[in-house]
Amino acid sequence: MTRADDRRPPRSRMRVGIATVLFVVYLAFVMWVTMTPSLDGVGVPSVAERLLQVLHRIGVPDAFGYDELEFTANIGMFVPLGFLLGLALPGWGWWLALILLPLYSAGIEWTQGEFLAGRVSDVRDIVSNSIGAWIGTLIAAFLRAMVHARDRRVLERALWDEKQSRRRRREPDATQVLDTWMTEQSAGRTPTAPTQRIRY
C-alpha cells in the first residue's frame, strides 16, 4: 500500500454545511416559539384544543390532556435539534449535543421565568426537551456510523481491486507464457523455460 493510500479521506463538507444551515434555521424557529411573550397571539392554545379533540376521537384516552400533549410536543420539538447538531458536529464531537442542548433548554426556561411574564418556567420542559435532544442525537450518531461503515467497505473494495489490477499487470498471463514457449519449440530453437510460475 502506498503512502497515498494511508491518507485519511476528507470529511463530507457538504453534509456538515447543509446540517449546519438547517440547524441554524430550526434553532431560530425554536427561539421564536420559546421566546414569544405569549402563545395566545399565535393561536397555540386553540390548535392544542383541536388536536386533543382529534386524538380523543381516534381512541387516545381522555386522561391524555394538555399537559401530556405539551410534554410530547416539547420532545418532538427538540428531536430535529439533536439530529441536526449531531450531524453538524465534526468527528466524535456529536456527543457534545447530549450536553449542549439540555443546557440550552435550561437557559430557555430561566429566561422565560426571569424576563417573560406571560410564560411559565417548568422543569418538566427541560426534561422533555432533553429527551427529544438525546433521541435526535442518537439517531444522527447511528446514521453516521452506518454511513462510515458503508464508506469503509467501499474503500476497502476499491483498494483490493487496485491491488489485484497491479498484480495482473506485473504477472504475465499463463496462456501468453505457454504460447511463447510453444512458438520457440516449433521454430526449432531451444525453448526458454518460463521464468514466471504458471498458475493453473
C-alpha atoms as a PDB file:
ATOM      1  CA  MET A   1       0.000   0.000   0.000  1.00  0.00           C
ATOM      2  CA  THR A   2       1.404   3.369  -0.945  1.00  0.00           C
ATOM      3  CA  ARG A   3       1.654   6.468   1.212  1.00  0.00           C
ATOM      4  CA  ALA A   4      -1.285   7.980  -0.668  1.00  0.00           C
ATOM      5  CA  ASP A   5      -3.442   5.013   0.404  1.00  0.00           C
ATOM      6  CA  ASP A   6      -2.693   5.753   4.067  1.00  0.00           C
ATOM      7  CA  ARG A   7      -4.062   9.267   3.902  1.00  0.00           C
ATOM      8  CA  ARG A   8      -7.372   9.787   5.668  1.00  0.00           C
ATOM      9  CA  PRO A   9     -10.200  10.687   3.276  1.00  0.00           C
ATOM     10  CA  PRO A  10     -11.608  14.210   3.757  1.00  0.00           C
ATOM     11  CA  ARG A  11     -14.832  14.758   5.671  1.00  0.00           C
ATOM     12  CA  SER A  12     -18.020  15.494   3.814  1.00  0.00           C
ATOM     13  CA  ARG A  13     -18.139  19.279   3.882  1.00  0.00           C
ATOM     14  CA  MET A  14     -21.478  19.256   2.092  1.00  0.00           C
ATOM     15  CA  ARG A  15     -23.079  17.172   4.836  1.00  0.00           C
ATOM     16  CA  VAL A  16     -21.673  19.415   7.561  1.00  0.00           C
ATOM     17  CA  GLY A  17     -22.647  22.574   5.686  1.00  0.00           C
ATOM     18  CA  ILE A  18     -26.233  21.513   4.988  1.00  0.00           C
ATOM     19  CA  ALA A  19     -26.723  20.234   8.537  1.00  0.00           C
ATOM     20  CA  THR A  20     -25.312  23.468   9.978  1.00  0.00           C
ATOM     21  CA  VAL A  21     -27.577  25.685   7.871  1.00  0.00           C
ATOM     22  CA  LEU A  22     -30.667  23.641   8.724  1.00  0.00           C
ATOM     23  CA  PHE A  23     -29.688  23.636  12.394  1.00  0.00           C
ATOM     24  CA  VAL A  24     -29.391  27.439  12.482  1.00  0.00           C
ATOM     25  CA  VAL A  25     -32.734  27.863  10.702  1.00  0.00           C
ATOM     26  CA  TYR A  26     -34.537  25.441  13.006  1.00  0.00           C
ATOM     27  CA  LEU A  27     -32.822  26.958  16.050  1.00  0.00           C
ATOM     28  CA  ALA A  28     -34.248  30.343  15.051  1.00  0.00           C
ATOM     29  CA  PHE A  29     -37.704  28.750  14.854  1.00  0.00           C
ATOM     30  CA  VAL A  30     -37.314  27.238  18.330  1.00  0.00           C
ATOM     31  CA  MET A  31     -36.166  30.610  19.648  1.00  0.00           C
ATOM     32  CA  TRP A  32     -39.262  32.253  18.189  1.00  0.00           C
ATOM     33  CA  VAL A  33     -41.585  29.655  19.724  1.00  0.00           C
ATOM     34  CA  THR A  34     -39.974  29.650  23.152  1.00  0.00           C
ATOM     35  CA  MET A  35     -39.198  33.363  23.471  1.00  0.00           C
ATOM     36  CA  THR A  36     -42.557  34.691  22.328  1.00  0.00           C
ATOM     37  CA  PRO A  37     -44.013  36.551  25.349  1.00  0.00           C
ATOM     38  CA  SER A  38     -47.369  34.786  24.961  1.00  0.00           C
ATOM     39  CA  LEU A  39     -48.546  31.890  22.816  1.00  0.00           C
ATOM     40  CA  ASP A  40     -52.121  33.172  22.777  1.00  0.00           C
ATOM     41  CA  GLY A  41     -51.332  35.576  19.949  1.00  0.00           C
ATOM     42  CA  VAL A  42     -50.104  32.806  17.642  1.00  0.00           C
ATOM     43  CA  GLY A  43     -53.093  30.551  18.262  1.00  0.00           C
ATOM     44  CA  VAL A  44     -51.289  27.721  20.035  1.00  0.00           C
ATOM     45  CA  PRO A  45     -53.999  27.073  22.682  1.00  0.00           C
ATOM     46  CA  SER A  46     -56.750  26.734  20.070  1.00  0.00           C
ATOM     47  CA  VAL A  47     -54.592  24.428  17.950  1.00  0.00           C
ATOM     48  CA  ALA A  48     -53.820  22.304  21.009  1.00  0.00           C
ATOM     49  CA  GLU A  49     -57.516  22.012  21.866  1.00  0.00           C
ATOM     50  CA  ARG A  50     -58.395  20.922  18.347  1.00  0.00           C
ATOM     51  CA  LEU A  51     -55.563  18.408  18.303  1.00  0.00           C
ATOM     52  CA  LEU A  52     -56.706  16.950  21.620  1.00  0.00           C
ATOM     53  CA  GLN A  53     -60.232  16.597  20.275  1.00  0.00           C
ATOM     54  CA  VAL A  54     -58.910  14.717  17.264  1.00  0.00           C
ATOM     55  CA  LEU A  55     -56.739  12.465  19.423  1.00  0.00           C
ATOM     56  CA  HIS A  56     -59.637  11.635  21.752  1.00  0.00           C
ATOM     57  CA  ARG A  57     -61.882  10.831  18.787  1.00  0.00           C
ATOM     58  CA  ILE A  58     -59.375   8.325  17.382  1.00  0.00           C
ATOM     59  CA  GLY A  59     -59.090   6.482  20.687  1.00  0.00           C
ATOM     60  CA  VAL A  60     -56.484   8.294  22.774  1.00  0.00           C
ATOM     61  CA  PRO A  61     -57.611   8.143  26.441  1.00  0.00           C
ATOM     62  CA  ASP A  62     -59.213  11.248  27.921  1.00  0.00           C
ATOM     63  CA  ALA A  63     -56.501  11.225  30.585  1.00  0.00           C
ATOM     64  CA  PHE A  64     -54.138  12.461  27.880  1.00  0.00           C
ATOM     65  CA  GLY A  65     -54.696  16.174  28.363  1.00  0.00           C
ATOM     66  CA  TYR A  66     -52.968  19.469  27.659  1.00  0.00           C
ATOM     67  CA  ASP A  67     -50.003  18.805  29.981  1.00  0.00           C
ATOM     68  CA  GLU A  68     -49.281  15.452  28.327  1.00  0.00           C
ATOM     69  CA  LEU A  69     -49.624  16.987  24.878  1.00  0.00           C
ATOM     70  CA  GLU A  70     -47.236  19.788  25.795  1.00  0.00           C
ATOM     71  CA  PHE A  71     -44.706  17.300  27.181  1.00  0.00           C
ATOM     72  CA  THR A  72     -44.879  15.233  23.990  1.00  0.00           C
ATOM     73  CA  ALA A  73     -44.647  18.336  21.793  1.00  0.00           C
ATOM     74  CA  ASN A  74     -41.555  19.502  23.662  1.00  0.00           C
ATOM     75  CA  ILE A  75     -39.914  16.155  22.996  1.00  0.00           C
ATOM     76  CA  GLY A  76     -40.758  16.354  19.311  1.00  0.00           C
ATOM     77  CA  MET A  77     -39.560  19.953  19.034  1.00  0.00           C
ATOM     78  CA  PHE A  78     -36.044  19.071  20.195  1.00  0.00           C
ATOM     79  CA  VAL A  79     -35.614  15.859  18.171  1.00  0.00           C
ATOM     80  CA  PRO A  80     -34.641  17.802  14.987  1.00  0.00           C
ATOM     81  CA  LEU A  81     -32.254  19.979  17.017  1.00  0.00           C
ATOM     82  CA  GLY A  82     -30.418  16.930  18.331  1.00  0.00           C
ATOM     83  CA  PHE A  83     -30.404  15.262  14.930  1.00  0.00           C
ATOM     84  CA  LEU A  84     -29.062  18.287  13.031  1.00  0.00           C
ATOM     85  CA  LEU A  85     -26.482  19.198  15.661  1.00  0.00           C
ATOM     86  CA  GLY A  86     -25.353  15.571  15.780  1.00  0.00           C
ATOM     87  CA  LEU A  87     -24.731  15.709  12.032  1.00  0.00           C
ATOM     88  CA  ALA A  88     -23.125  19.160  12.058  1.00  0.00           C
ATOM     89  CA  LEU A  89     -20.529  18.480  14.759  1.00  0.00           C
ATOM     90  CA  PRO A  90     -17.293  17.008  13.338  1.00  0.00           C
ATOM     91  CA  GLY A  91     -15.950  13.564  14.151  1.00  0.00           C
ATOM     92  CA  TRP A  92     -16.866  12.160  17.546  1.00  0.00           C
ATOM     93  CA  GLY A  93     -17.981  15.615  18.706  1.00  0.00           C
ATOM     94  CA  TRP A  94     -21.626  14.569  18.223  1.00  0.00           C
ATOM     95  CA  TRP A  95     -21.796  13.599  21.899  1.00  0.00           C
ATOM     96  CA  LEU A  96     -21.481  17.283  22.820  1.00  0.00           C
ATOM     97  CA  ALA A  97     -25.072  17.691  21.651  1.00  0.00           C
ATOM     98  CA  LEU A  98     -26.107  15.461  24.573  1.00  0.00           C
ATOM     99  CA  ILE A  99     -24.832  18.196  26.901  1.00  0.00           C
ATOM    100  CA  LEU A 100     -25.301  21.423  24.962  1.00  0.00           C
ATOM    101  CA  LEU A 101     -28.976  21.046  24.120  1.00  0.00           C
ATOM    102  CA  PRO A 102     -30.158  20.307  27.691  1.00  0.00           C
ATOM    103  CA  LEU A 103     -28.171  23.357  28.803  1.00  0.00           C
ATOM    104  CA  TYR A 104     -29.835  25.348  26.038  1.00  0.00           C
ATOM    105  CA  SER A 105     -33.245  24.193  27.257  1.00  0.00           C
ATOM    106  CA  ALA A 106     -32.348  25.194  30.811  1.00  0.00           C
ATOM    107  CA  GLY A 107     -31.342  28.633  29.530  1.00  0.00           C
ATOM    108  CA  ILE A 108     -34.696  28.977  27.796  1.00  0.00           C
ATOM    109  CA  GLU A 109     -36.615  28.122  30.955  1.00  0.00           C
ATOM    110  CA  TRP A 110     -34.513  30.526  33.024  1.00  0.00           C
ATOM    111  CA  THR A 111     -35.126  33.331  30.515  1.00  0.00           C
ATOM    112  CA  GLN A 112     -38.866  32.632  30.493  1.00  0.00           C
ATOM    113  CA  GLY A 113     -39.039  32.708  34.283  1.00  0.00           C
ATOM    114  CA  GLU A 114     -36.964  35.856  34.674  1.00  0.00           C
ATOM    115  CA  PHE A 115     -37.952  38.076  31.751  1.00  0.00           C
ATOM    116  CA  LEU A 116     -41.189  36.812  30.154  1.00  0.00           C
ATOM    117  CA  ALA A 117     -44.192  37.488  32.346  1.00  0.00           C
ATOM    118  CA  GLY A 118     -46.557  35.629  30.062  1.00  0.00           C
ATOM    119  CA  ARG A 119     -44.538  32.409  30.133  1.00  0.00           C
ATOM    120  CA  VAL A 120     -44.086  29.861  32.929  1.00  0.00           C
ATOM    121  CA  SER A 121     -40.776  28.173  33.671  1.00  0.00           C
ATOM    122  CA  ASP A 122     -41.178  24.441  34.240  1.00  0.00           C
ATOM    123  CA  VAL A 123     -38.567  21.791  35.000  1.00  0.00           C
ATOM    124  CA  ARG A 124     -40.636  19.274  33.038  1.00  0.00           C
ATOM    125  CA  ASP A 125     -39.926  21.279  29.897  1.00  0.00           C
ATOM    126  CA  ILE A 126     -36.189  20.792  30.453  1.00  0.00           C
ATOM    127  CA  VAL A 127     -36.737  17.050  30.912  1.00  0.00           C
ATOM    128  CA  SER A 128     -38.881  16.692  27.791  1.00  0.00           C
ATOM    129  CA  ASN A 129     -36.572  18.857  25.681  1.00  0.00           C
ATOM    130  CA  SER A 130     -33.559  16.835  26.846  1.00  0.00           C
ATOM    131  CA  ILE A 131     -35.279  13.559  25.941  1.00  0.00           C
ATOM    132  CA  GLY A 132     -36.032  14.865  22.466  1.00  0.00           C
ATOM    133  CA  ALA A 133     -32.483  16.162  22.002  1.00  0.00           C
ATOM    134  CA  TRP A 134     -30.987  12.828  23.082  1.00  0.00           C
ATOM    135  CA  ILE A 135     -33.268  10.878  20.742  1.00  0.00           C
ATOM    136  CA  GLY A 136     -32.317  13.063  17.770  1.00  0.00           C
ATOM    137  CA  THR A 137     -28.614  12.959  18.614  1.00  0.00           C
ATOM    138  CA  LEU A 138     -28.553   9.177  18.941  1.00  0.00           C
ATOM    139  CA  ILE A 139     -30.369   8.819  15.611  1.00  0.00           C
ATOM    140  CA  ALA A 140     -27.726  11.041  13.999  1.00  0.00           C
ATOM    141  CA  ALA A 141     -24.912   9.037  15.614  1.00  0.00           C
ATOM    142  CA  PHE A 142     -26.417   5.757  14.398  1.00  0.00           C
ATOM    143  CA  LEU A 143     -26.828   7.149  10.880  1.00  0.00           C
ATOM    144  CA  ARG A 144     -23.247   8.428  10.826  1.00  0.00           C
ATOM    145  CA  ALA A 145     -21.982   5.033  11.989  1.00  0.00           C
ATOM    146  CA  MET A 146     -23.884   3.294   9.192  1.00  0.00           C
ATOM    147  CA  VAL A 147     -22.524   5.688   6.551  1.00  0.00           C
ATOM    148  CA  HIS A 148     -18.987   5.335   7.941  1.00  0.00           C
ATOM    149  CA  ALA A 149     -19.209   1.531   7.808  1.00  0.00           C
ATOM    150  CA  ARG A 150     -20.515   1.636   4.236  1.00  0.00           C
ATOM    151  CA  ASP A 151     -17.788   4.042   3.112  1.00  0.00           C
ATOM    152  CA  ARG A 152     -15.155   1.863   4.756  1.00  0.00           C
ATOM    153  CA  ARG A 153     -16.364  -1.223   2.885  1.00  0.00           C
ATOM    154  CA  VAL A 154     -16.391   0.693  -0.411  1.00  0.00           C
ATOM    155  CA  LEU A 155     -12.867   1.986   0.236  1.00  0.00           C
ATOM    156  CA  GLU A 156     -11.548  -1.460   1.147  1.00  0.00           C
ATOM    157  CA  ARG A 157     -13.095  -2.915  -2.011  1.00  0.00           C
ATOM    158  CA  ALA A 158     -11.559  -0.180  -4.173  1.00  0.00           C
ATOM    159  CA  LEU A 159      -8.117  -0.772  -2.638  1.00  0.00           C
ATOM    160  CA  TRP A 160      -8.461  -4.535  -3.150  1.00  0.00           C
ATOM    161  CA  ASP A 161      -9.435  -4.049  -6.819  1.00  0.00           C
ATOM    162  CA  GLU A 162      -6.483  -1.709  -7.340  1.00  0.00           C
ATOM    163  CA  LYS A 163      -4.096  -4.214  -5.752  1.00  0.00           C
ATOM    164  CA  GLN A 164      -5.396  -7.017  -7.963  1.00  0.00           C
ATOM    165  CA  SER A 165      -5.051  -4.804 -11.034  1.00  0.00           C
ATOM    166  CA  ARG A 166      -1.423  -4.037 -10.182  1.00  0.00           C
ATOM    167  CA  ARG A 167      -0.703  -7.737  -9.655  1.00  0.00           C
ATOM    168  CA  ARG A 168      -2.183  -8.646 -13.029  1.00  0.00           C
ATOM    169  CA  ARG A 169      -0.056  -6.005 -14.731  1.00  0.00           C
ATOM    170  CA  ARG A 170       3.124  -7.344 -13.082  1.00  0.00           C
ATOM    171  CA  GLU A 171       2.485 -11.047 -13.755  1.00  0.00           C
ATOM    172  CA  PRO A 172       2.129 -12.197 -17.400  1.00  0.00           C
ATOM    173  CA  ASP A 173      -0.858 -14.284 -18.339  1.00  0.00           C
ATOM    174  CA  ALA A 174      -0.243 -18.065 -18.190  1.00  0.00           C
ATOM    175  CA  THR A 175      -1.627 -18.617 -21.711  1.00  0.00           C
ATOM    176  CA  GLN A 176       0.746 -15.986 -23.107  1.00  0.00           C
ATOM    177  CA  VAL A 177       3.735 -17.683 -21.489  1.00  0.00           C
ATOM    178  CA  LEU A 178       2.737 -21.090 -22.931  1.00  0.00           C
ATOM    179  CA  ASP A 179       2.198 -19.644 -26.407  1.00  0.00           C
ATOM    180  CA  THR A 180       5.667 -18.099 -26.387  1.00  0.00           C
ATOM    181  CA  TRP A 181       7.222 -21.359 -25.205  1.00  0.00           C
ATOM    182  CA  MET A 182       5.435 -23.449 -27.899  1.00  0.00           C
ATOM    183  CA  THR A 183       6.378 -20.943 -30.640  1.00  0.00           C
ATOM    184  CA  GLU A 184      10.042 -21.235 -29.735  1.00  0.00           C
ATOM    185  CA  GLN A 185       9.770 -25.019 -29.718  1.00  0.00           C
ATOM    186  CA  SER A 186       8.099 -25.204 -33.140  1.00  0.00           C
ATOM    187  CA  ALA A 187      10.742 -22.858 -34.612  1.00  0.00           C
ATOM    188  CA  GLY A 188      13.460 -25.334 -33.740  1.00  0.00           C
ATOM    189  CA  ARG A 189      15.009 -23.126 -31.112  1.00  0.00           C
ATOM    190  CA  THR A 190      15.869 -24.218 -27.663  1.00  0.00           C
ATOM    191  CA  PRO A 191      12.835 -23.267 -25.734  1.00  0.00           C
ATOM    192  CA  THR A 192      13.296 -20.868 -22.917  1.00  0.00           C
ATOM    193  CA  ALA A 193      11.763 -22.101 -19.769  1.00  0.00           C
ATOM    194  CA  PRO A 194       9.185 -19.722 -18.414  1.00  0.00           C
ATOM    195  CA  THR A 195      10.628 -17.580 -15.709  1.00  0.00           C
ATOM    196  CA  GLN A 196       7.262 -16.963 -14.137  1.00  0.00           C
ATOM    197  CA  ARG A 197       5.334 -19.536 -12.230  1.00  0.00           C
ATOM    198  CA  ILE A 198       2.331 -20.716 -14.228  1.00  0.00           C
ATOM    199  CA  ARG A 199      -0.946 -20.726 -12.370  1.00  0.00           C
ATOM    200  CA  TYR A 200      -3.354 -23.487 -13.310  1.00  0.00           C
END
